[in-house]
Amino acid sequence: MKATSPKALRRASRSQHVVPGTSASTQPPALSELTTDLLRQLLEQSDNPMVRAGLRRAAAEAESLAWLTSVPLLVLPTLLDEKAREARLYVYRQAGLREVTRDWLSLAE
């Protein structure tokens, strides 16, 4: 069995994510630019640093998932919207849990 070099593996994995009809050099900037623009709009809606961090993670995850589809530019906005909603919900749920925990700890003192 022939061993595959790490360089060959990187080259092979890069070529798998190119959408048919586009070249690898033209696709990533468009997707990255769209992600950046959509993220900027989402970040303008919140001053909470925890929410903003969650939105950044959501944008990275949505972009990664969009790459797995045949039309990443088309699905990215919807994916990011869903991921942003989940991120906000998670942050607010965690804040509520911290508050309840703080109340319990103050009663135990």
PDB file of N, CA and C in Angstrom:
ATOM      1  N   MET A   1       0.845  -1.186   0.000  1.00  0.00           N
ATOM      2  CA  MET A   1       0.000   0.000   0.000  1.00  0.00           C
ATOM      3  C   MET A   1       0.889   1.248   0.000  1.00  0.00           C
ATOM      4  N   LYS A   2       0.632   2.161  -0.900  1.00  0.00           N
ATOM      5  CA  LYS A   2       1.445   3.353  -1.046  1.00  0.00           C
ATOM      6  C   LYS A   2       0.973   4.449  -0.082  1.00  0.00           C
ATOM      7  N   ALA A   3       1.911   5.073   0.615  1.00  0.00           N
ATOM      8  CA  ALA A   3       1.580   6.149   1.548  1.00  0.00           C
ATOM      9  C   ALA A   3       1.345   7.434   0.765  1.00  0.00           C
ATOM     10  N   THR A   4       0.348   8.205   1.191  1.00  0.00           N
ATOM     11  CA  THR A   4       0.030   9.476   0.549  1.00  0.00           C
ATOM     12  C   THR A   4       0.669  10.595   1.353  1.00  0.00           C
ATOM     13  N   SER A   5       1.310  11.512   0.661  1.00  0.00           N
ATOM     14  CA  SER A   5       1.969  12.616   1.355  1.00  0.00           C
ATOM     15  C   SER A   5       0.929  13.615   1.863  1.00  0.00           C
ATOM     16  N   PRO A   6       1.253  14.323   2.959  1.00  0.00           N
ATOM     17  CA  PRO A   6       0.324  15.341   3.473  1.00  0.00           C
ATOM     18  C   PRO A   6       0.015  16.422   2.440  1.00  0.00           C
ATOM     19  N   LYS A   7       1.001  16.751   1.611  1.00  0.00           N
ATOM     20  CA  LYS A   7       0.799  17.774   0.586  1.00  0.00           C
ATOM     21  C   LYS A   7      -0.255  17.316  -0.427  1.00  0.00           C
ATOM     22  N   ALA A   8      -0.195  16.052  -0.813  1.00  0.00           N
ATOM     23  CA  ALA A   8      -1.175  15.513  -1.758  1.00  0.00           C
ATOM     24  C   ALA A   8      -2.566  15.490  -1.146  1.00  0.00           C
ATOM     25  N   LEU A   9      -2.658  15.199   0.147  1.00  0.00           N
ATOM     26  CA  LEU A   9      -3.955  15.194   0.826  1.00  0.00           C
ATOM     27  C   LEU A   9      -4.558  16.588   0.863  1.00  0.00           C
ATOM     28  N   ARG A  10      -3.734  17.591   1.154  1.00  0.00           N
ATOM     29  CA  ARG A  10      -4.247  18.970   1.193  1.00  0.00           C
ATOM     30  C   ARG A  10      -4.747  19.386  -0.186  1.00  0.00           C
ATOM     31  N   ARG A  11      -3.989  19.013  -1.215  1.00  0.00           N
ATOM     32  CA  ARG A  11      -4.377  19.360  -2.586  1.00  0.00           C
ATOM     33  C   ARG A  11      -5.694  18.680  -2.943  1.00  0.00           C
ATOM     34  N   ALA A  12      -5.858  17.431  -2.563  1.00  0.00           N
ATOM     35  CA  ALA A  12      -7.078  16.684  -2.873  1.00  0.00           C
ATOM     36  C   ALA A  12      -8.271  17.244  -2.122  1.00  0.00           C
ATOM     37  N   SER A  13      -8.092  17.611  -0.860  1.00  0.00           N
ATOM     38  CA  SER A  13      -9.225  18.115  -0.084  1.00  0.00           C
ATOM     39  C   SER A  13      -9.667  19.485  -0.577  1.00  0.00           C
ATOM     40  N   ARG A  14      -8.737  20.298  -1.064  1.00  0.00           N
ATOM     41  CA  ARG A  14      -9.086  21.605  -1.596  1.00  0.00           C
ATOM     42  C   ARG A  14      -9.955  21.479  -2.838  1.00  0.00           C
ATOM     43  N   SER A  15      -9.640  20.528  -3.696  1.00  0.00           N
ATOM     44  CA  SER A  15     -10.368  20.419  -4.952  1.00  0.00           C
ATOM     45  C   SER A  15     -11.785  19.870  -4.765  1.00  0.00           C
ATOM     46  N   GLN A  16     -12.087  19.245  -3.655  1.00  0.00           N
ATOM     47  CA  GLN A  16     -13.409  18.674  -3.434  1.00  0.00           C
ATOM     48  C   GLN A  16     -14.475  19.731  -3.182  1.00  0.00           C
ATOM     49  N   HIS A  17     -14.099  20.901  -2.738  1.00  0.00           N
ATOM     50  CA  HIS A  17     -15.070  21.904  -2.319  1.00  0.00           C
ATOM     51  C   HIS A  17     -15.355  22.970  -3.366  1.00  0.00           C
ATOM     52  N   VAL A  18     -14.922  22.771  -4.583  1.00  0.00           N
ATOM     53  CA  VAL A  18     -15.169  23.739  -5.642  1.00  0.00           C
ATOM     54  C   VAL A  18     -16.497  23.408  -6.306  1.00  0.00           C
ATOM     55  N   VAL A  19     -17.361  24.389  -6.392  1.00  0.00           N
ATOM     56  CA  VAL A  19     -18.658  24.201  -7.033  1.00  0.00           C
ATOM     57  C   VAL A  19     -18.449  24.089  -8.537  1.00  0.00           C
ATOM     58  N   PRO A  20     -19.106  23.125  -9.186  1.00  0.00           N
ATOM     59  CA  PRO A  20     -18.960  22.981 -10.635  1.00  0.00           C
ATOM     60  C   PRO A  20     -19.278  24.287 -11.357  1.00  0.00           C
ATOM     61  N   GLY A  21     -18.474  24.610 -12.335  1.00  0.00           N
ATOM     62  CA  GLY A  21     -18.696  25.829 -13.107  1.00  0.00           C
ATOM     63  C   GLY A  21     -17.946  27.034 -12.570  1.00  0.00           C
ATOM     64  N   THR A  22     -17.241  26.884 -11.442  1.00  0.00           N
ATOM     65  CA  THR A  22     -16.447  27.982 -10.906  1.00  0.00           C
ATOM     66  C   THR A  22     -15.035  27.480 -10.668  1.00  0.00           C
ATOM     67  N   SER A  23     -14.110  28.393 -10.584  1.00  0.00           N
ATOM     68  CA  SER A  23     -12.741  27.990 -10.271  1.00  0.00           C
ATOM     69  C   SER A  23     -12.491  28.218  -8.788  1.00  0.00           C
ATOM     70  N   ALA A  24     -11.513  27.532  -8.259  1.00  0.00           N
ATOM     71  CA  ALA A  24     -11.196  27.647  -6.828  1.00  0.00           C
ATOM     72  C   ALA A  24     -10.764  29.065  -6.478  1.00  0.00           C
ATOM     73  N   SER A  25     -10.188  29.789  -7.429  1.00  0.00           N
ATOM     74  CA  SER A  25      -9.691  31.136  -7.125  1.00  0.00           C
ATOM     75  C   SER A  25     -10.802  32.179  -7.086  1.00  0.00           C
ATOM     76  N   THR A  26     -11.941  31.935  -7.738  1.00  0.00           N
ATOM     77  CA  THR A  26     -13.008  32.934  -7.747  1.00  0.00           C
ATOM     78  C   THR A  26     -14.052  32.700  -6.670  1.00  0.00           C
ATOM     79  N   GLN A  27     -14.212  31.478  -6.207  1.00  0.00           N
ATOM     80  CA  GLN A  27     -15.290  31.192  -5.277  1.00  0.00           C
ATOM     81  C   GLN A  27     -15.042  31.656  -3.841  1.00  0.00           C
ATOM     82  N   PRO A  28     -13.904  31.360  -3.222  1.00  0.00           N
ATOM     83  CA  PRO A  28     -13.738  31.714  -1.809  1.00  0.00           C
ATOM     84  C   PRO A  28     -13.917  33.193  -1.491  1.00  0.00           C
ATOM     85  N   PRO A  29     -13.372  34.117  -2.284  1.00  0.00           N
ATOM     86  CA  PRO A  29     -13.577  35.524  -1.930  1.00  0.00           C
ATOM     87  C   PRO A  29     -15.050  35.924  -1.923  1.00  0.00           C
ATOM     88  N   ALA A  30     -15.835  35.420  -2.859  1.00  0.00           N
ATOM     89  CA  ALA A  30     -17.249  35.780  -2.908  1.00  0.00           C
ATOM     90  C   ALA A  30     -17.972  35.267  -1.669  1.00  0.00           C
ATOM     91  N   LEU A  31     -17.692  34.043  -1.269  1.00  0.00           N
ATOM     92  CA  LEU A  31     -18.343  33.479  -0.091  1.00  0.00           C
ATOM     93  C   LEU A  31     -17.871  34.194   1.172  1.00  0.00           C
ATOM     94  N   SER A  32     -16.590  34.473   1.260  1.00  0.00           N
ATOM     95  CA  SER A  32     -16.059  35.185   2.425  1.00  0.00           C
ATOM     96  C   SER A  32     -16.622  36.600   2.514  1.00  0.00           C
ATOM     97  N   GLU A  33     -16.717  37.256   1.369  1.00  0.00           N
ATOM     98  CA  GLU A  33     -17.270  38.616   1.356  1.00  0.00           C
ATOM     99  C   GLU A  33     -18.734  38.607   1.779  1.00  0.00           C
ATOM    100  N   LEU A  34     -19.497  37.644   1.301  1.00  0.00           N
ATOM    101  CA  LEU A  34     -20.907  37.552   1.684  1.00  0.00           C
ATOM    102  C   LEU A  34     -21.022  37.286   3.182  1.00  0.00           C
ATOM    103  N   THR A  35     -20.200  36.382   3.689  1.00  0.00           N
ATOM    104  CA  THR A  35     -20.218  36.091   5.123  1.00  0.00           C
ATOM    105  C   THR A  35     -19.900  37.345   5.927  1.00  0.00           C
ATOM    106  N   THR A  36     -18.877  38.075   5.500  1.00  0.00           N
ATOM    107  CA  THR A  36     -18.478  39.299   6.195  1.00  0.00           C
ATOM    108  C   THR A  36     -19.598  40.322   6.190  1.00  0.00           C
ATOM    109  N   ASP A  37     -20.233  40.514   5.047  1.00  0.00           N
ATOM    110  CA  ASP A  37     -21.331  41.488   4.946  1.00  0.00           C
ATOM    111  C   ASP A  37     -22.515  41.099   5.832  1.00  0.00           C
ATOM    112  N   LEU A  38     -22.887  39.829   5.784  1.00  0.00           N
ATOM    113  CA  LEU A  38     -24.021  39.377   6.602  1.00  0.00           C
ATOM    114  C   LEU A  38     -23.689  39.457   8.087  1.00  0.00           C
ATOM    115  N   LEU A  39     -22.465  39.100   8.443  1.00  0.00           N
ATOM    116  CA  LEU A  39     -22.057  39.170   9.846  1.00  0.00           C
ATOM    117  C   LEU A  39     -22.051  40.613  10.340  1.00  0.00           C
ATOM    118  N   ARG A  40     -21.585  41.526   9.520  1.00  0.00           N
ATOM    119  CA  ARG A  40     -21.563  42.940   9.905  1.00  0.00           C
ATOM    120  C   ARG A  40     -22.983  43.423  10.226  1.00  0.00           C
ATOM    121  N   GLN A  41     -23.951  43.015   9.415  1.00  0.00           N
ATOM    122  CA  GLN A  41     -25.346  43.407   9.665  1.00  0.00           C
ATOM    123  C   GLN A  41     -25.845  42.829  10.987  1.00  0.00           C
ATOM    124  N   LEU A  42     -25.477  41.585  11.269  1.00  0.00           N
ATOM    125  CA  LEU A  42     -25.911  40.960  12.520  1.00  0.00           C
ATOM    126  C   LEU A  42     -25.251  41.613  13.729  1.00  0.00           C
ATOM    127  N   LEU A  43     -23.971  41.947  13.608  1.00  0.00           N
ATOM    128  CA  LEU A  43     -23.252  42.544  14.737  1.00  0.00           C
ATOM    129  C   LEU A  43     -23.779  43.935  15.083  1.00  0.00           C
ATOM    130  N   GLU A  44     -24.315  44.635  14.097  1.00  0.00           N
ATOM    131  CA  GLU A  44     -24.875  45.963  14.339  1.00  0.00           C
ATOM    132  C   GLU A  44     -26.129  45.908  15.211  1.00  0.00           C
ATOM    133  N   GLN A  45     -26.740  44.732  15.316  1.00  0.00           N
ATOM    134  CA  GLN A  45     -27.984  44.594  16.062  1.00  0.00           C
ATOM    135  C   GLN A  45     -27.775  44.355  17.554  1.00  0.00           C
ATOM    136  N   SER A  46     -26.532  44.153  17.990  1.00  0.00           N
ATOM    137  CA  SER A  46     -26.306  43.824  19.392  1.00  0.00           C
ATOM    138  C   SER A  46     -25.040  44.485  19.917  1.00  0.00           C
ATOM    139  N   ASP A  47     -25.125  44.936  21.171  1.00  0.00           N
ATOM    140  CA  ASP A  47     -23.953  45.478  21.862  1.00  0.00           C
ATOM    141  C   ASP A  47     -23.396  44.484  22.866  1.00  0.00           C
ATOM    142  N   ASN A  48     -24.121  43.393  23.091  1.00  0.00           N
ATOM    143  CA  ASN A  48     -23.715  42.389  24.068  1.00  0.00           C
ATOM    144  C   ASN A  48     -22.502  41.621  23.531  1.00  0.00           C
ATOM    145  N   PRO A  49     -21.368  41.657  24.262  1.00  0.00           N
ATOM    146  CA  PRO A  49     -20.170  40.964  23.772  1.00  0.00           C
ATOM    147  C   PRO A  49     -20.349  39.446  23.670  1.00  0.00           C
ATOM    148  N   MET A  50     -21.153  38.868  24.528  1.00  0.00           N
ATOM    149  CA  MET A  50     -21.388  37.420  24.455  1.00  0.00           C
ATOM    150  C   MET A  50     -22.191  37.068  23.196  1.00  0.00           C
ATOM    151  N   VAL A  51     -23.184  37.870  22.885  1.00  0.00           N
ATOM    152  CA  VAL A  51     -23.981  37.644  21.673  1.00  0.00           C
ATOM    153  C   VAL A  51     -23.108  37.837  20.443  1.00  0.00           C
ATOM    154  N   ARG A  52     -22.297  38.881  20.449  1.00  0.00           N
ATOM    155  CA  ARG A  52     -21.431  39.158  19.300  1.00  0.00           C
ATOM    156  C   ARG A  52     -20.449  38.012  19.057  1.00  0.00           C
ATOM    157  N   ALA A  53     -19.894  37.453  20.127  1.00  0.00           N
ATOM    158  CA  ALA A  53     -18.981  36.310  19.987  1.00  0.00           C
ATOM    159  C   ALA A  53     -19.734  35.105  19.426  1.00  0.00           C
ATOM    160  N   GLY A  54     -20.951  34.889  19.903  1.00  0.00           N
ATOM    161  CA  GLY A  54     -21.769  33.792  19.392  1.00  0.00           C
ATOM    162  C   GLY A  54     -22.102  33.970  17.923  1.00  0.00           C
ATOM    163  N   LEU A  55     -22.347  35.207  17.523  1.00  0.00           N
ATOM    164  CA  LEU A  55     -22.653  35.484  16.118  1.00  0.00           C
ATOM    165  C   LEU A  55     -21.439  35.226  15.226  1.00  0.00           C
ATOM    166  N   ARG A  56     -20.261  35.557  15.730  1.00  0.00           N
ATOM    167  CA  ARG A  56     -19.042  35.286  14.955  1.00  0.00           C
ATOM    168  C   ARG A  56     -18.847  33.784  14.769  1.00  0.00           C
ATOM    169  N   ARG A  57     -19.075  33.025  15.837  1.00  0.00           N
ATOM    170  CA  ARG A  57     -18.971  31.566  15.726  1.00  0.00           C
ATOM    171  C   ARG A  57     -20.029  31.020  14.767  1.00  0.00           C
ATOM    172  N   ALA A  58     -21.232  31.578  14.845  1.00  0.00           N
ATOM    173  CA  ALA A  58     -22.313  31.139  13.956  1.00  0.00           C
ATOM    174  C   ALA A  58     -21.963  31.408  12.502  1.00  0.00           C
ATOM    175  N   ALA A  59     -21.349  32.551  12.226  1.00  0.00           N
ATOM    176  CA  ALA A  59     -20.970  32.882  10.851  1.00  0.00           C
ATOM    177  C   ALA A  59     -19.915  31.913  10.328  1.00  0.00           C
ATOM    178  N   ALA A  60     -18.948  31.584  11.162  1.00  0.00           N
ATOM    179  CA  ALA A  60     -17.910  30.638  10.739  1.00  0.00           C
ATOM    180  C   ALA A  60     -18.508  29.261  10.475  1.00  0.00           C
ATOM    181  N   GLU A  61     -19.406  28.840  11.339  1.00  0.00           N
ATOM    182  CA  GLU A  61     -20.035  27.528  11.163  1.00  0.00           C
ATOM    183  C   GLU A  61     -20.935  27.510   9.922  1.00  0.00           C
ATOM    184  N   ALA A  62     -21.689  28.573   9.717  1.00  0.00           N
ATOM    185  CA  ALA A  62     -22.571  28.642   8.545  1.00  0.00           C
ATOM    186  C   ALA A  62     -21.759  28.631   7.252  1.00  0.00           C
ATOM    187  N   GLU A  63     -20.646  29.350   7.246  1.00  0.00           N
ATOM    188  CA  GLU A  63     -19.798  29.368   6.049  1.00  0.00           C
ATOM    189  C   GLU A  63     -19.227  27.971   5.781  1.00  0.00           C
ATOM    190  N   SER A  64     -18.806  27.292   6.832  1.00  0.00           N
ATOM    191  CA  SER A  64     -18.278  25.931   6.663  1.00  0.00           C
ATOM    192  C   SER A  64     -19.343  24.983   6.123  1.00  0.00           C
ATOM    193  N   LEU A  65     -20.546  25.085   6.661  1.00  0.00           N
ATOM    194  CA  LEU A  65     -21.621  24.225   6.185  1.00  0.00           C
ATOM    195  C   LEU A  65     -22.033  24.575   4.754  1.00  0.00           C
ATOM    196  N   ALA A  66     -22.011  25.847   4.427  1.00  0.00           N
ATOM    197  CA  ALA A  66     -22.372  26.265   3.071  1.00  0.00           C
ATOM    198  C   ALA A  66     -21.404  25.673   2.045  1.00  0.00           C
ATOM    199  N   TRP A  67     -20.149  25.544   2.430  1.00  0.00           N
ATOM    200  CA  TRP A  67     -19.152  24.962   1.528  1.00  0.00           C
ATOM    201  C   TRP A  67     -19.511  23.538   1.138  1.00  0.00           C
ATOM    202  N   LEU A  68     -20.250  22.851   1.981  1.00  0.00           N
ATOM    203  CA  LEU A  68     -20.586  21.457   1.716  1.00  0.00           C
ATOM    204  C   LEU A  68     -21.711  21.307   0.699  1.00  0.00           C
ATOM    205  N   THR A  69     -22.336  22.388   0.331  1.00  0.00           N
ATOM    206  CA  THR A  69     -23.444  22.331  -0.621  1.00  0.00           C
ATOM    207  C   THR A  69     -22.949  22.662  -2.020  1.00  0.00           C
ATOM    208  N   SER A  70     -23.794  22.407  -2.989  1.00  0.00           N
ATOM    209  CA  SER A  70     -23.418  22.723  -4.372  1.00  0.00           C
ATOM    210  C   SER A  70     -23.644  24.194  -4.707  1.00  0.00           C
ATOM    211  N   VAL A  71     -24.397  24.906  -3.865  1.00  0.00           N
ATOM    212  CA  VAL A  71     -24.670  26.333  -4.092  1.00  0.00           C
ATOM    213  C   VAL A  71     -24.432  27.119  -2.791  1.00  0.00           C
ATOM    214  N   PRO A  72     -23.182  27.261  -2.363  1.00  0.00           N
ATOM    215  CA  PRO A  72     -22.904  27.879  -1.064  1.00  0.00           C
ATOM    216  C   PRO A  72     -23.369  29.326  -0.949  1.00  0.00           C
ATOM    217  N   LEU A  73     -23.266  30.096  -2.028  1.00  0.00           N
ATOM    218  CA  LEU A  73     -23.699  31.494  -1.964  1.00  0.00           C
ATOM    219  C   LEU A  73     -25.202  31.615  -1.775  1.00  0.00           C
ATOM    220  N   LEU A  74     -25.924  30.644  -2.241  1.00  0.00           N
ATOM    221  CA  LEU A  74     -27.379  30.664  -2.131  1.00  0.00           C
ATOM    222  C   LEU A  74     -27.846  30.256  -0.733  1.00  0.00           C
ATOM    223  N   VAL A  75     -27.211  29.266  -0.138  1.00  0.00           N
ATOM    224  CA  VAL A  75     -27.678  28.752   1.155  1.00  0.00           C
ATOM    225  C   VAL A  75     -27.078  29.483   2.349  1.00  0.00           C
ATOM    226  N   LEU A  76     -25.977  30.206   2.152  1.00  0.00           N
ATOM    227  CA  LEU A  76     -25.325  30.876   3.279  1.00  0.00           C
ATOM    228  C   LEU A  76     -26.247  31.811   4.060  1.00  0.00           C
ATOM    229  N   PRO A  77     -27.011  32.695   3.431  1.00  0.00           N
ATOM    230  CA  PRO A  77     -27.856  33.602   4.219  1.00  0.00           C
ATOM    231  C   PRO A  77     -28.844  32.869   5.136  1.00  0.00           C
ATOM    232  N   THR A  78     -29.461  31.820   4.635  1.00  0.00           N
ATOM    233  CA  THR A  78     -30.416  31.068   5.447  1.00  0.00           C
ATOM    234  C   THR A  78     -29.707  30.325   6.572  1.00  0.00           C
ATOM    235  N   LEU A  79     -28.586  29.697   6.251  1.00  0.00           N
ATOM    236  CA  LEU A  79     -27.819  29.003   7.291  1.00  0.00           C
ATOM    237  C   LEU A  79     -27.370  29.968   8.377  1.00  0.00           C
ATOM    238  N   LEU A  80     -26.869  31.114   7.976  1.00  0.00           N
ATOM    239  CA  LEU A  80     -26.395  32.093   8.957  1.00  0.00           C
ATOM    240  C   LEU A  80     -27.546  32.602   9.804  1.00  0.00           C
ATOM    241  N   ASP A  81     -28.687  32.817   9.201  1.00  0.00           N
ATOM    242  CA  ASP A  81     -29.859  33.259   9.965  1.00  0.00           C
ATOM    243  C   ASP A  81     -30.231  32.234  11.041  1.00  0.00           C
ATOM    244  N   GLU A  82     -30.255  30.964  10.655  1.00  0.00           N
ATOM    245  CA  GLU A  82     -30.583  29.908  11.619  1.00  0.00           C
ATOM    246  C   GLU A  82     -29.530  29.804  12.713  1.00  0.00           C
ATOM    247  N   LYS A  83     -28.262  29.840  12.320  1.00  0.00           N
ATOM    248  CA  LYS A  83     -27.179  29.734  13.300  1.00  0.00           C
ATOM    249  C   LYS A  83     -27.162  30.950  14.229  1.00  0.00           C
ATOM    250  N   ALA A  84     -27.466  32.126  13.713  1.00  0.00           N
ATOM    251  CA  ALA A  84     -27.498  33.333  14.543  1.00  0.00           C
ATOM    252  C   ALA A  84     -28.634  33.257  15.559  1.00  0.00           C
ATOM    253  N   ARG A  85     -29.778  32.759  15.124  1.00  0.00           N
ATOM    254  CA  ARG A  85     -30.912  32.586  16.035  1.00  0.00           C
ATOM    255  C   ARG A  85     -30.537  31.619  17.161  1.00  0.00           C
ATOM    256  N   GLU A  86     -29.907  30.506  16.808  1.00  0.00           N
ATOM    257  CA  GLU A  86     -29.481  29.530  17.812  1.00  0.00           C
ATOM    258  C   GLU A  86     -28.446  30.124  18.760  1.00  0.00           C
ATOM    259  N   ALA A  87     -27.521  30.928  18.230  1.00  0.00           N
ATOM    260  CA  ALA A  87     -26.481  31.536  19.055  1.00  0.00           C
ATOM    261  C   ALA A  87     -27.090  32.508  20.067  1.00  0.00           C
ATOM    262  N   ARG A  88     -28.024  33.331  19.615  1.00  0.00           N
ATOM    263  CA  ARG A  88     -28.679  34.266  20.543  1.00  0.00           C
ATOM    264  C   ARG A  88     -29.439  33.513  21.624  1.00  0.00           C
ATOM    265  N   LEU A  89     -30.184  32.511  21.223  1.00  0.00           N
ATOM    266  CA  LEU A  89     -30.944  31.715  22.178  1.00  0.00           C
ATOM    267  C   LEU A  89     -30.021  31.076  23.214  1.00  0.00           C
ATOM    268  N   TYR A  90     -28.908  30.537  22.764  1.00  0.00           N
ATOM    269  CA  TYR A  90     -27.948  29.904  23.669  1.00  0.00           C
ATOM    270  C   TYR A  90     -27.398  30.918  24.674  1.00  0.00           C
ATOM    271  N   VAL A  91     -27.010  32.095  24.192  1.00  0.00           N
ATOM    272  CA  VAL A  91     -26.441  33.116  25.076  1.00  0.00           C
ATOM    273  C   VAL A  91     -27.464  33.548  26.116  1.00  0.00           C
ATOM    274  N   TYR A  92     -28.696  33.785  25.712  1.00  0.00           N
ATOM    275  CA  TYR A  92     -29.713  34.226  26.662  1.00  0.00           C
ATOM    276  C   TYR A  92     -30.095  33.116  27.637  1.00  0.00           C
ATOM    277  N   ARG A  93     -30.115  31.886  27.167  1.00  0.00           N
ATOM    278  CA  ARG A  93     -30.397  30.758  28.056  1.00  0.00           C
ATOM    279  C   ARG A  93     -29.274  30.609  29.100  1.00  0.00           C
ATOM    280  N   GLN A  94     -28.036  30.742  28.667  1.00  0.00           N
ATOM    281  CA  GLN A  94     -26.906  30.656  29.595  1.00  0.00           C
ATOM    282  C   GLN A  94     -26.947  31.795  30.615  1.00  0.00           C
ATOM    283  N   ALA A  95     -27.320  32.981  30.181  1.00  0.00           N
ATOM    284  CA  ALA A  95     -27.419  34.118  31.104  1.00  0.00           C
ATOM    285  C   ALA A  95     -28.484  33.842  32.160  1.00  0.00           C
ATOM    286  N   GLY A  96     -29.599  33.269  31.748  1.00  0.00           N
ATOM    287  CA  GLY A  96     -30.651  32.913  32.701  1.00  0.00           C
ATOM    288  C   GLY A  96     -30.183  31.872  33.691  1.00  0.00           C
ATOM    289  N   LEU A  97     -29.458  30.884  33.216  1.00  0.00           N
ATOM    290  CA  LEU A  97     -28.926  29.855  34.119  1.00  0.00           C
ATOM    291  C   LEU A  97     -27.920  30.436  35.100  1.00  0.00           C
ATOM    292  N   ARG A  98     -27.078  31.358  34.637  1.00  0.00           N
ATOM    293  CA  ARG A  98     -26.124  32.004  35.553  1.00  0.00           C
ATOM    294  C   ARG A  98     -26.854  32.791  36.633  1.00  0.00           C
ATOM    295  N   GLU A  99     -27.929  33.458  36.250  1.00  0.00           N
ATOM    296  CA  GLU A  99     -28.696  34.239  37.215  1.00  0.00           C
ATOM    297  C   GLU A  99     -29.346  33.341  38.263  1.00  0.00           C
ATOM    298  N   VAL A 100     -29.954  32.247  37.820  1.00  0.00           N
ATOM    299  CA  VAL A 100     -30.579  31.305  38.745  1.00  0.00           C
ATOM    300  C   VAL A 100     -29.529  30.704  39.671  1.00  0.00           C
ATOM    301  N   THR A 101     -28.392  30.340  39.127  1.00  0.00           N
ATOM    302  CA  THR A 101     -27.310  29.759  39.919  1.00  0.00           C
ATOM    303  C   THR A 101     -26.815  30.774  40.951  1.00  0.00           C
ATOM    304  N   ARG A 102     -26.684  32.003  40.542  1.00  0.00           N
ATOM    305  CA  ARG A 102     -26.253  33.062  41.458  1.00  0.00           C
ATOM    306  C   ARG A 102     -27.251  33.203  42.599  1.00  0.00           C
ATOM    307  N   ASP A 103     -28.535  33.136  42.286  1.00  0.00           N
ATOM    308  CA  ASP A 103     -29.570  33.211  43.332  1.00  0.00           C
ATOM    309  C   ASP A 103     -29.468  32.043  44.290  1.00  0.00           C
ATOM    310  N   TRP A 104     -29.245  30.847  43.773  1.00  0.00           N
ATOM    311  CA  TRP A 104     -29.127  29.664  44.627  1.00  0.00           C
ATOM    312  C   TRP A 104     -27.901  29.778  45.519  1.00  0.00           C
ATOM    313  N   LEU A 105     -26.806  30.246  44.959  1.00  0.00           N
ATOM    314  CA  LEU A 105     -25.578  30.383  45.745  1.00  0.00           C
ATOM    315  C   LEU A 105     -25.741  31.434  46.837  1.00  0.00           C
ATOM    316  N   SER A 106     -26.482  32.491  46.566  1.00  0.00           N
ATOM    317  CA  SER A 106     -26.684  33.507  47.606  1.00  0.00           C
ATOM    318  C   SER A 106     -27.563  32.984  48.729  1.00  0.00           C
ATOM    319  N   LEU A 107     -28.501  32.083  48.421  1.00  0.00           N
ATOM    320  CA  LEU A 107     -29.333  31.471  49.457  1.00  0.00           C
ATOM    321  C   LEU A 107     -28.543  30.487  50.312  1.00  0.00           C
ATOM    322  N   ALA A 108     -27.537  29.868  49.724  1.00  0.00           N
ATOM    323  CA  ALA A 108     -26.751  28.855  50.440  1.00  0.00           C
ATOM    324  C   ALA A 108     -25.745  29.496  51.393  1.00  0.00           C
ATOM    325  N   GLU A 109     -25.459  30.758  51.211  1.00  0.00           N
ATOM    326  CA  GLU A 109     -24.445  31.423  52.061  1.00  0.00           C
ATOM    327  C   GLU A 109     -24.961  31.760  53.424  1.00  0.00           C
TER     328      GLU A 109
END
